[in-house]
Protein backbone atom coordinates (compact mmCIF):
# COMPACT_ATOMS: atom_id res chain seq x y z
CA MET A 1 0.00 0.00 0.00
CA LEU A 2 1.11 3.54 -0.64
CA SER A 3 1.43 5.60 2.52
CA ILE A 4 -0.15 9.04 2.13
CA LEU A 5 2.23 11.51 3.74
CA PRO A 6 1.37 15.08 4.77
CA GLY A 7 2.98 17.81 2.70
CA LYS A 8 5.43 18.83 5.42
CA LYS A 9 6.98 15.35 5.36
CA ILE A 10 7.42 15.05 1.59
CA ALA A 11 10.58 17.18 1.36
CA GLU A 12 11.99 15.15 4.25
CA LEU A 13 11.08 11.94 2.40
CA ASP A 14 12.85 13.04 -0.77
CA LYS A 15 16.04 14.02 1.07
CA SER A 16 16.04 10.88 3.20
CA TYR A 17 15.50 8.53 0.26
CA ALA A 18 18.13 10.22 -1.93
CA ARG A 19 20.61 9.89 0.92
CA GLU A 20 19.63 6.26 1.56
CA VAL A 21 20.25 5.12 -2.04
CA GLY A 22 23.14 7.47 -2.76
CA ILE A 23 21.63 9.70 -5.42
CA SER A 24 21.36 13.46 -5.68
CA SER A 25 18.10 15.37 -5.34
CA TRP A 26 18.45 16.27 -9.04
CA GLU A 27 18.63 12.55 -9.94
CA LEU A 28 15.43 11.92 -7.97
CA MET A 29 13.83 14.82 -9.84
CA GLU A 30 14.96 13.21 -13.09
CA ARG A 31 13.23 9.97 -12.07
CA ALA A 32 10.02 11.90 -11.49
CA ALA A 33 10.29 13.59 -14.88
CA GLU A 34 10.94 10.27 -16.64
CA SER A 35 7.94 8.71 -14.92
CA PHE A 36 5.71 11.62 -15.97
CA VAL A 37 6.91 11.45 -19.57
CA SER A 38 6.34 7.68 -19.66
CA TRP A 39 2.74 8.31 -18.58
CA PHE A 40 2.36 11.20 -21.03
CA LEU A 41 3.50 9.14 -24.01
CA LYS A 42 0.79 6.54 -23.36
CA GLY A 43 -1.97 9.09 -23.79
CA PHE A 44 -0.51 11.77 -26.02
CA SER A 45 1.88 9.99 -28.37
CA GLY A 46 1.46 11.31 -31.89
CA VAL A 47 -0.54 14.41 -30.96
CA GLN A 48 0.14 17.55 -32.96
CA GLU A 49 -0.63 20.12 -30.26
CA LYS A 50 2.13 22.26 -28.86
CA VAL A 51 3.07 21.78 -25.21
CA PHE A 52 3.40 24.80 -22.92
CA ILE A 53 4.96 24.22 -19.51
CA PHE A 54 4.51 26.93 -16.88
CA SER A 55 7.46 26.63 -14.50
CA GLY A 56 7.53 28.17 -11.04
CA PRO A 57 10.76 28.89 -9.12
CA GLY A 58 10.80 25.82 -6.87
CA ASN A 59 11.26 22.10 -7.34
CA ASN A 60 7.85 21.67 -8.97
CA GLY A 61 9.06 24.13 -11.57
CA GLY A 62 12.29 22.13 -11.80
CA ASP A 63 10.21 19.03 -12.54
CA GLY A 64 8.55 21.01 -15.31
CA LEU A 65 11.88 21.98 -16.90
CA ALA A 66 13.12 18.38 -16.81
CA ILE A 67 9.86 17.24 -18.41
CA ALA A 68 10.24 19.95 -21.07
CA ARG A 69 13.68 18.60 -22.02
CA LEU A 70 12.52 14.98 -22.16
CA LEU A 71 9.40 15.78 -24.20
CA SER A 72 11.49 17.82 -26.61
CA GLU A 73 13.79 14.84 -27.06
CA LYS A 74 10.69 12.78 -27.95
CA GLY A 75 9.83 15.19 -30.74
CA PHE A 76 7.19 17.39 -29.10
CA ALA A 77 7.10 21.13 -29.79
CA VAL A 78 7.70 22.44 -26.28
CA SER A 79 7.68 25.95 -24.84
CA VAL A 80 8.43 26.95 -21.26
CA VAL A 81 7.11 30.00 -19.44
CA LEU A 82 9.34 31.16 -16.58
CA PHE A 83 8.42 33.26 -13.55
CA SER A 84 11.73 34.13 -11.94
CA SER A 85 15.38 34.55 -12.73
CA LYS A 86 17.78 31.65 -12.48
CA GLU A 87 19.38 33.20 -9.40
CA ASN A 88 16.07 33.28 -7.50
CA SER A 89 15.17 29.64 -8.14
CA SER A 90 16.03 26.35 -6.42
CA VAL A 91 19.36 24.66 -7.12
CA ASP A 92 17.78 21.75 -9.00
CA TRP A 93 15.68 24.20 -11.02
CA GLN A 94 18.91 25.88 -12.09
CA VAL A 95 20.46 22.56 -13.14
CA ASN A 96 17.45 21.73 -15.30
CA PHE A 97 17.35 25.22 -16.75
CA ASP A 98 20.96 24.84 -17.89
CA LYS A 99 20.08 21.52 -19.54
CA LEU A 100 17.25 22.92 -21.67
CA PRO A 101 18.01 22.35 -25.37
CA GLU A 102 17.96 25.30 -27.73
CA GLY A 103 14.92 23.95 -29.57
CA ILE A 104 12.66 24.80 -26.63
CA SER A 105 11.01 28.22 -26.82
CA ARG A 106 11.39 30.27 -23.64
CA TYR A 107 9.19 33.08 -22.38
CA GLN A 108 9.62 35.20 -19.28
CA TYR A 109 6.26 36.05 -17.74
CA PRO A 110 4.52 38.42 -18.42
CA GLU A 111 6.14 38.64 -21.85
CA ILE A 112 3.96 35.96 -23.42
CA ASP A 113 0.94 36.13 -25.68
CA PHE A 114 -1.52 33.58 -24.27
CA GLU A 115 -3.04 33.21 -27.73
CA LEU A 116 0.03 31.09 -28.52
CA ALA A 117 -1.10 28.61 -25.86
CA SER A 118 -4.84 28.85 -26.48
CA SER A 119 -5.19 25.32 -27.89
CA ALA A 120 -1.94 23.84 -26.59
CA ILE A 121 -1.48 21.16 -23.95
CA ILE A 122 -0.81 23.11 -20.75
CA ILE A 123 1.42 21.55 -18.09
CA ASP A 124 1.17 23.23 -14.70
CA ALA A 125 4.51 23.22 -12.84
CA LEU A 126 4.05 26.43 -10.86
CA PHE A 127 3.75 25.17 -7.28
CA GLY A 128 3.89 21.77 -5.62
CA VAL A 129 3.01 20.50 -2.17
CA GLY A 130 4.98 23.21 -0.38
CA ILE A 131 2.40 25.94 -0.92
CA ASN A 132 0.62 26.99 2.27
CA ARG A 133 -1.08 30.19 1.17
CA ALA A 134 -3.58 31.41 -1.39
CA LEU A 135 -2.26 32.36 -4.81
CA GLY A 136 -1.61 36.05 -5.31
CA GLY A 137 0.05 38.53 -7.63
CA GLU A 138 1.25 37.32 -11.00
CA TYR A 139 0.56 33.68 -10.10
CA LEU A 140 -3.09 34.44 -9.45
CA GLU A 141 -3.25 36.29 -12.76
CA VAL A 142 -1.69 33.49 -14.78
CA VAL A 143 -3.77 30.71 -13.19
CA ASN A 144 -6.97 32.66 -13.84
CA THR A 145 -5.91 33.06 -17.47
CA LEU A 146 -4.87 29.42 -17.91
CA ASN A 147 -8.16 28.22 -16.46
CA GLN A 148 -9.94 29.92 -19.36
CA LEU A 149 -7.94 28.16 -22.10
CA SER A 150 -9.53 25.31 -24.05
CA GLY A 151 -6.60 22.91 -24.35
CA LYS A 152 -5.90 19.90 -22.13
CA LYS A 153 -4.49 20.90 -18.76
CA ILE A 154 -2.19 18.66 -16.72
CA SER A 155 -0.82 19.33 -13.23
CA ILE A 156 2.47 17.92 -12.01
CA ASP A 157 2.09 16.31 -8.56
CA ILE A 158 -0.68 18.65 -7.40
CA PRO A 159 -2.62 21.52 -9.04
CA SER A 160 -1.00 24.87 -8.28
CA GLY A 161 -2.80 26.67 -5.47
CA LEU A 162 -4.09 23.45 -3.89
CA PRO A 163 -2.69 22.73 -0.40
CA SER A 164 -1.71 19.11 0.18
CA ASP A 165 -3.63 18.63 3.43
CA SER A 166 -6.33 21.29 3.69
CA LEU A 167 -9.06 23.05 1.75
CA VAL A 168 -8.17 25.35 -1.11
CA GLU A 169 -8.32 29.08 -0.41
CA GLY A 170 -9.19 31.24 -3.37
CA VAL A 171 -8.15 30.17 -6.86
CA ALA A 172 -6.32 27.00 -7.99
CA PHE A 173 -5.38 25.54 -11.34
CA LEU A 174 -8.23 23.58 -12.97
CA ALA A 175 -6.53 20.44 -14.27
CA ASP A 176 -8.10 17.85 -16.53
CA MET A 177 -5.52 15.39 -15.22
CA THR A 178 -3.17 15.37 -12.25
CA VAL A 179 -0.09 13.15 -12.19
CA SER A 180 0.96 12.74 -8.56
CA PHE A 181 4.37 11.32 -7.77
CA GLN A 182 4.65 8.06 -5.78
CA PHE A 183 1.40 8.49 -3.83
CA PRO A 184 -1.68 10.73 -3.92
CA LYS A 185 -1.72 13.73 -1.66
CA LEU A 186 -4.71 13.73 0.68
CA SER A 187 -6.32 16.84 -0.79
CA LEU A 188 -6.47 15.13 -4.20
CA LEU A 189 -8.95 12.61 -2.77
CA ILE A 190 -11.70 14.87 -1.42
CA PRO A 191 -14.88 15.87 -3.29
CA GLU A 192 -14.39 19.62 -2.82
CA HIS A 193 -11.20 19.45 -4.90
CA SER A 194 -12.45 17.20 -7.68
CA LYS A 195 -12.84 20.05 -10.17
CA TYR A 196 -9.18 21.02 -9.69
CA VAL A 197 -7.74 17.50 -9.85
CA GLY A 198 -9.59 16.01 -12.82
CA ASP A 199 -8.53 12.41 -13.46
CA LEU A 200 -5.89 11.30 -10.96
CA HIS A 201 -2.88 9.24 -12.01
CA ILE A 202 -0.01 7.98 -9.84
CA ALA A 203 3.52 8.02 -11.29
CA ASP A 204 5.94 5.65 -9.56
CA ILE A 205 9.39 7.16 -8.93
CA GLY A 206 10.83 4.03 -7.37
CA ILE A 207 10.53 4.69 -3.64
CA PRO A 208 9.59 1.35 -2.02
CA ASP A 209 6.46 1.12 0.12
CA SER A 210 8.63 -0.10 2.99
CA PHE A 211 10.59 3.15 2.91
CA LEU A 212 7.41 5.22 2.92
CA ASP A 213 6.20 3.23 5.93
CA GLN A 214 9.10 4.59 7.99
CA PHE A 215 7.40 7.97 8.05
CA GLY A 216 4.52 6.64 10.12
CA SER A 217 1.46 7.75 8.18
CA ASN A 218 -1.91 6.42 9.31
CA LYS A 219 -3.37 6.86 5.80
CA SER A 220 -2.82 4.54 2.84
CA PHE A 221 -3.85 4.29 -0.81
CA VAL A 222 -4.89 0.76 -1.83
CA GLN A 223 -3.83 -0.64 -5.20
CA ALA A 224 -4.45 -3.84 -7.14
CA SER A 225 -1.23 -5.49 -5.95
CA ASP A 226 -2.36 -5.05 -2.34
CA ILE A 227 -5.72 -6.69 -3.00
CA GLN A 228 -4.15 -9.65 -4.79
CA LYS A 229 -2.19 -10.49 -1.63
CA MET A 230 -5.32 -10.42 0.54
CA HIS A 231 -7.34 -12.95 -1.42
CA LYS A 232 -7.91 -16.39 0.04
CA ARG A 233 -7.11 -19.33 -2.21
CA PHE A 234 -9.41 -22.32 -2.52
CA ASP A 235 -8.56 -25.73 -3.96
CA ASN A 236 -10.48 -28.32 -5.96
CA PHE A 237 -11.66 -30.06 -2.76
CA SER A 238 -13.34 -26.93 -1.42
CA HIS A 239 -17.11 -27.23 -0.96
CA LYS A 240 -19.85 -24.65 -0.66
CA GLY A 241 -19.47 -24.52 3.11
CA ASP A 242 -15.87 -23.37 2.68
CA PHE A 243 -17.13 -20.37 0.70
CA GLY A 244 -19.25 -19.21 3.60
CA ARG A 245 -22.87 -19.21 4.75
CA ILE A 246 -24.31 -15.72 5.08
CA LEU A 247 -27.65 -14.19 6.04
CA LEU A 248 -28.96 -10.96 4.52
CA ILE A 249 -31.73 -9.13 6.36
CA GLY A 250 -33.92 -6.58 4.55
CA GLY A 251 -36.34 -6.26 1.68
CA ARG A 252 -39.49 -5.31 3.55
CA GLY A 253 -42.53 -3.76 1.91
CA GLY A 254 -41.79 -2.03 -1.37
CA LYS A 255 -38.01 -2.20 -1.01
CA VAL A 256 -37.41 -5.76 -2.10
CA GLY A 257 -35.16 -4.64 -4.97
CA ALA A 258 -32.42 -3.56 -2.57
CA ILE A 259 -32.09 -6.96 -0.89
CA ILE A 260 -32.20 -8.70 -4.28
CA LEU A 261 -29.21 -6.64 -5.41
CA SER A 262 -27.32 -7.52 -2.23
CA THR A 263 -28.22 -11.19 -2.61
CA CYS A 264 -27.15 -11.44 -6.24
CA SER A 265 -23.92 -9.55 -5.61
CA ALA A 266 -23.05 -11.85 -2.70
CA MET A 267 -23.55 -14.86 -4.95
CA ARG A 268 -21.39 -13.32 -7.68
CA THR A 269 -18.69 -12.53 -5.12
CA GLY A 270 -18.41 -16.21 -4.30
CA SER A 271 -20.61 -16.99 -1.29
CA GLY A 272 -21.35 -20.69 -1.04
CA LEU A 273 -24.73 -20.32 0.69
CA VAL A 274 -26.84 -17.17 0.82
CA HIS A 275 -29.91 -17.00 3.06
CA VAL A 276 -32.30 -14.05 2.97
CA TRP A 277 -34.71 -12.97 5.69
CA ALA A 278 -37.78 -11.36 4.18
CA GLU A 279 -41.48 -10.87 4.85
CA GLY A 280 -44.71 -11.59 3.01
CA ALA A 281 -44.85 -11.26 -0.76
CA SER A 282 -41.19 -10.24 -0.87
CA LYS A 283 -40.24 -13.90 -0.48
CA ASP A 284 -41.71 -14.90 -3.83
CA VAL A 285 -40.05 -11.99 -5.62
CA ILE A 286 -36.66 -12.95 -4.18
CA HIS A 287 -37.16 -16.60 -5.15
CA ILE A 288 -37.85 -15.62 -8.74
CA SER A 289 -35.06 -13.04 -8.97
CA CYS A 290 -32.32 -15.06 -7.31
CA CYS A 291 -33.26 -18.72 -7.32
CA GLU A 292 -29.92 -19.82 -5.83
CA ALA A 293 -30.69 -18.06 -2.54
CA MET A 294 -32.65 -19.57 0.35
CA VAL A 295 -35.44 -17.32 1.57
CA GLU A 296 -36.18 -17.50 5.29
CA GLY A 297 -38.89 -16.31 7.66
CA GLU A 298 -38.93 -14.94 11.19
CA LYS A 299 -37.60 -18.12 12.83
CA ILE A 300 -34.20 -17.73 11.22
CA LEU A 301 -33.48 -14.82 13.57
CA ASP A 302 -33.23 -17.39 16.37
CA GLU A 303 -30.48 -19.26 14.51
CA LEU A 304 -27.96 -16.50 13.82
CA ASP A 305 -24.97 -18.40 15.16
CA LYS A 306 -25.06 -20.84 12.25
CA PHE A 307 -24.07 -18.07 9.83
CA ASP A 308 -20.53 -16.94 9.11
CA ALA A 309 -21.63 -13.35 8.49
CA LEU A 310 -24.72 -11.14 8.50
CA GLY A 311 -25.60 -8.20 6.26
CA ILE A 312 -28.38 -5.98 7.56
CA GLY A 313 -30.18 -2.99 6.10
CA PRO A 314 -30.85 -2.98 2.33
CA GLY A 315 -34.57 -2.36 1.92
CA LEU A 316 -35.19 -3.02 5.60
CA GLY A 317 -37.47 0.00 5.96
CA GLU A 318 -38.49 1.49 9.28
CA VAL A 319 -38.22 -1.23 11.89
CA PRO A 320 -38.38 -1.16 15.69
CA GLN A 321 -35.03 -0.64 17.35
CA ASP A 322 -35.66 -3.92 19.18
CA LEU A 323 -34.99 -5.84 15.96
CA LEU A 324 -31.41 -4.56 15.81
CA ARG A 325 -30.99 -4.78 19.57
CA ASN A 326 -31.98 -8.46 19.56
CA ILE A 327 -29.68 -9.25 16.64
CA PHE A 328 -26.73 -7.46 18.27
CA GLN A 329 -27.30 -9.30 21.54
CA SER A 330 -27.82 -12.69 19.87
CA THR A 331 -24.41 -12.92 18.22
CA GLY A 332 -21.01 -11.42 18.80
CA LYS A 333 -19.91 -12.00 15.22
CA PRO A 334 -18.96 -8.98 13.09
CA MET A 335 -21.66 -7.98 10.63
CA VAL A 336 -22.25 -5.49 7.83
CA LEU A 337 -24.67 -2.64 8.55
CA ASP A 338 -26.01 -0.46 5.75
CA ALA A 339 -28.93 1.68 4.61
CA ASP A 340 -31.97 1.39 6.89
CA ALA A 341 -29.96 -0.32 9.63
CA LEU A 342 -27.82 2.82 9.77
CA ASN A 343 -30.92 4.99 9.88
CA VAL A 344 -32.13 3.09 12.95
CA LEU A 345 -28.72 3.57 14.57
CA SER A 346 -28.79 7.30 13.86
CA LYS A 347 -32.11 7.61 15.71
CA HIS A 348 -31.02 5.37 18.59
CA PRO A 349 -27.40 6.08 19.54
CA GLU A 350 -27.92 3.96 22.64
CA LEU A 351 -27.50 0.98 20.28
CA TRP A 352 -24.02 2.02 19.14
CA ASP A 353 -22.16 0.29 21.94
CA LEU A 354 -24.11 -2.93 21.31
CA ILE A 355 -22.78 -3.29 17.75
CA PRO A 356 -20.54 -6.38 17.69
CA LYS A 357 -16.88 -5.34 17.67
CA GLY A 358 -15.29 -5.50 14.25
CA SER A 359 -18.57 -4.90 12.42
CA ILE A 360 -18.56 -2.92 9.18
CA LEU A 361 -20.74 0.16 8.64
CA THR A 362 -21.15 1.33 5.03
CA PRO A 363 -22.83 4.77 4.97
CA HIS A 364 -23.04 7.12 2.03
CA LEU A 365 -22.51 10.79 2.87
CA LYS A 366 -26.11 11.50 3.92
CA GLU A 367 -26.32 8.39 6.10
CA PHE A 368 -23.01 9.33 7.68
CA GLU A 369 -24.33 12.82 8.37
CA ARG A 370 -27.31 11.32 10.17
CA LEU A 371 -24.94 9.29 12.33
CA THR A 372 -22.40 11.96 13.24
CA GLY A 373 -23.93 15.33 12.39
CA LYS A 374 -23.14 17.77 9.60
CA SER A 375 -19.56 18.44 8.54
CA SER A 376 -18.36 21.65 6.94
CA HIS A 377 -15.98 19.82 4.59
CA HIS A 378 -14.61 16.36 3.79
CA PHE A 379 -11.47 16.69 5.91
CA GLU A 380 -13.75 17.10 8.94
CA ARG A 381 -15.84 14.16 7.72
CA LEU A 382 -12.75 11.94 7.55
CA ASP A 383 -11.80 12.95 11.09
CA LYS A 384 -15.29 12.11 12.34
CA ALA A 385 -15.22 8.76 10.55
CA SER A 386 -11.95 7.85 12.22
CA GLU A 387 -13.19 8.97 15.64
CA TYR A 388 -16.38 6.91 15.26
CA ALA A 389 -14.49 3.79 14.17
CA VAL A 390 -12.04 4.05 17.07
CA GLN A 391 -14.66 4.82 19.70
CA HIS A 392 -17.04 2.02 18.71
CA LYS A 393 -14.41 -0.47 17.51
CA VAL A 394 -15.96 -0.83 14.07
CA TYR A 395 -14.86 -0.39 10.46
CA LEU A 396 -16.50 2.57 8.77
CA VAL A 397 -16.68 2.48 4.97
CA LEU A 398 -17.52 6.02 3.83
CA LYS A 399 -18.78 5.57 0.28
CA GLY A 400 -17.97 7.86 -2.62
CA ALA A 401 -15.10 8.53 -5.00
CA PHE A 402 -11.93 7.18 -3.33
CA THR A 403 -14.08 5.43 -0.70
CA SER A 404 -12.37 5.57 2.69
CA ILE A 405 -12.20 2.74 5.23
CA SER A 406 -11.60 3.89 8.82
CA THR A 407 -10.46 1.25 11.30
CA PRO A 408 -10.66 0.71 15.07
CA ASP A 409 -6.90 1.34 15.37
CA GLY A 410 -7.11 4.81 13.84
CA LYS A 411 -5.95 4.03 10.31
CA GLN A 412 -7.63 5.08 7.08
CA TYR A 413 -7.45 3.42 3.69
CA PHE A 414 -8.50 4.99 0.39
CA ASN A 415 -9.72 2.96 -2.56
CA SER A 416 -8.30 3.43 -6.05
CA THR A 417 -11.08 1.97 -8.24
CA GLY A 418 -14.47 3.15 -9.46
CA ASN A 419 -15.86 5.96 -11.57
CA LYS A 420 -18.69 8.49 -11.85
CA HIS A 421 -21.03 6.07 -13.64
CA MET A 422 -21.40 4.07 -10.42
CA ALA A 423 -23.51 6.85 -8.94
CA THR A 424 -26.71 4.93 -9.58
CA ALA A 425 -29.55 3.55 -7.46
CA GLY A 426 -28.66 0.26 -5.81
CA SER A 427 -24.89 0.57 -6.15
CA GLY A 428 -24.52 0.65 -2.36
CA ASP A 429 -26.71 -2.44 -1.98
CA VAL A 430 -24.35 -4.27 -4.33
CA LEU A 431 -21.42 -3.29 -2.12
CA THR A 432 -23.20 -4.55 1.00
CA GLY A 433 -23.62 -7.99 -0.55
CA MET A 434 -20.00 -8.08 -1.67
CA ILE A 435 -18.50 -7.13 1.70
CA THR A 436 -20.82 -9.55 3.52
CA SER A 437 -19.75 -12.28 1.10
CA PHE A 438 -16.04 -11.71 1.77
CA LEU A 439 -16.69 -11.60 5.52
CA GLY A 440 -18.55 -14.91 5.28
CA GLN A 441 -15.71 -16.48 3.31
CA GLY A 442 -13.42 -15.97 6.28
CA TYR A 443 -11.77 -12.66 5.43
CA ASP A 444 -11.11 -10.49 8.47
CA PRO A 445 -13.23 -7.30 8.61
CA LEU A 446 -10.47 -5.08 7.22
CA ASN A 447 -9.68 -7.31 4.25
CA ALA A 448 -13.38 -7.93 3.62
CA SER A 449 -13.91 -4.16 3.46
CA LEU A 450 -10.87 -3.49 1.29
CA CYS A 451 -11.57 -6.35 -1.13
CA GLY A 452 -15.28 -5.55 -1.32
CA VAL A 453 -14.73 -1.88 -2.05
CA PHE A 454 -11.93 -2.54 -4.56
CA HIS A 455 -13.80 -5.20 -6.55
CA HIS A 456 -16.99 -3.13 -6.43
CA GLY A 457 -15.12 -0.23 -8.04
CA LEU A 458 -13.32 -2.46 -10.52
CA ALA A 459 -16.58 -4.11 -11.57
CA GLY A 460 -17.99 -0.63 -12.10
CA GLU A 461 -15.04 0.29 -14.30
CA ILE A 462 -15.49 -2.86 -16.37
CA ALA A 463 -19.25 -2.34 -16.75
CA SER A 464 -18.84 1.30 -17.73
CA LYS A 465 -16.72 0.37 -20.76
CA THR A 466 -19.90 -0.75 -22.50
CA LYS A 467 -22.64 0.97 -20.47
CA ALA A 468 -21.16 4.36 -19.48
CA ARG A 469 -23.96 6.72 -18.40
CA GLY A 470 -26.53 4.00 -18.89
CA MET A 471 -24.95 1.74 -16.26
CA ILE A 472 -27.24 0.37 -13.55
CA ALA A 473 -26.57 -1.66 -10.42
CA THR A 474 -27.20 -5.01 -12.08
CA ASP A 475 -24.49 -4.18 -14.62
CA ILE A 476 -22.05 -3.89 -11.73
CA ILE A 477 -23.16 -7.29 -10.42
CA GLU A 478 -22.69 -8.93 -13.81
CA SER A 479 -19.14 -7.55 -13.97
CA ILE A 480 -18.05 -8.85 -10.55
CA PRO A 481 -16.72 -12.16 -11.98
CA SER A 482 -14.76 -10.18 -14.59
CA SER A 483 -13.14 -8.19 -11.79
CA PHE A 484 -11.75 -11.44 -10.37
CA LEU A 485 -10.53 -12.53 -13.79
CA GLU A 486 -8.80 -9.20 -14.33
CA MET A 487 -7.03 -9.64 -10.99
CA GLN A 488 -6.16 -13.26 -11.88
CA ILE A 489 -8.08 -14.58 -8.87
CA ASP A 490 -9.55 -18.03 -9.62
């Protein structure tokens, strides 16, 4: 996993790693530039547009100058726009300035006609993670102007004007894409900054995860290689009992669709036996929609210990608090709580301490707000999520782009899969079934959460390739097996 370090530790990381492996800070900068250019060539090879790189006086600007040289060597028509003299810039900036080939056009701001860059690819290398103030002066002017241009806009490491660990103040560069080195900065992962970040890409500059871990961050970014290591392996002698017996509770009244989505997603995630508690006419609908599941009545609530995991909430509707109280007191096993189960908890906080330790709560932003009160921004929301998880010894999966998983030991994990097309009715019910399935298969609560969220997002990515804006929750379910195949999990 990639540790997410605060901005104030990143300069320390760079110096420490360069010293550890015996390279100069300029050589590390060169690695970063090479990684960026490698990414750039995958998406922009053969394009005819000019490339304009706006280079600030610090090391982010130095990255920009190194990238300018490398892109020029690859045949791109590159121009650089400078904002300070060589003498007033960082040492590594000066080295890269001296290495610029003559074929690169150079402009000293403000002596540039922005019409020249009106349809060019703009690369923002003004400021990196070190900025701790709002943009002002000529930098405010140029960012406002660049934001109006029509060409593709790419930020190096972080959009200029965006702090690494707090909310933006004033104006920041509006990137279509941000290429962040080694790991994402926390502010790139919050909804308030989405319009500045655009599509996020991570460029590896060769710093091992083990080295990042030395800096003691409690936040991590989860990637495919991490998930592959978590998966349990089954052999040819495994039987359906080995794949877990789970019980899903919900689907009352007119909300039977939610529990059907959870049921089908649990089956597609690999559960060996899926039981569903439902009432009245809902039973027949579930039988028809998911014939592999076993539909149960009220008596099954007296037999909870025979299940490896419970998932409660999708389509549950308004139920007496006693239903949850009795379930919590009947079994100490971790369970997944979502949707209407969370709404009951928000109205009855006296139930919070009865939730079995290690259980997994999966609220979307509104459900989370009902639990913990309103937050003024996502940084505050993340703090509240961590506090809740620690206090109640649960795992809190806060759903959204870069879904976060807060743990009882104060750590937070951010997911790397998914896309905007997953914002569709029933998507959360699909996730509930998936996490419950992993929990029932014997995954610990953390790995069940991480694997469920990752495969949910990956299935959404796969489905969106053919469905895009027309994607619905059942499309995600149908793509779950493909997510395992893509990860080479049999």
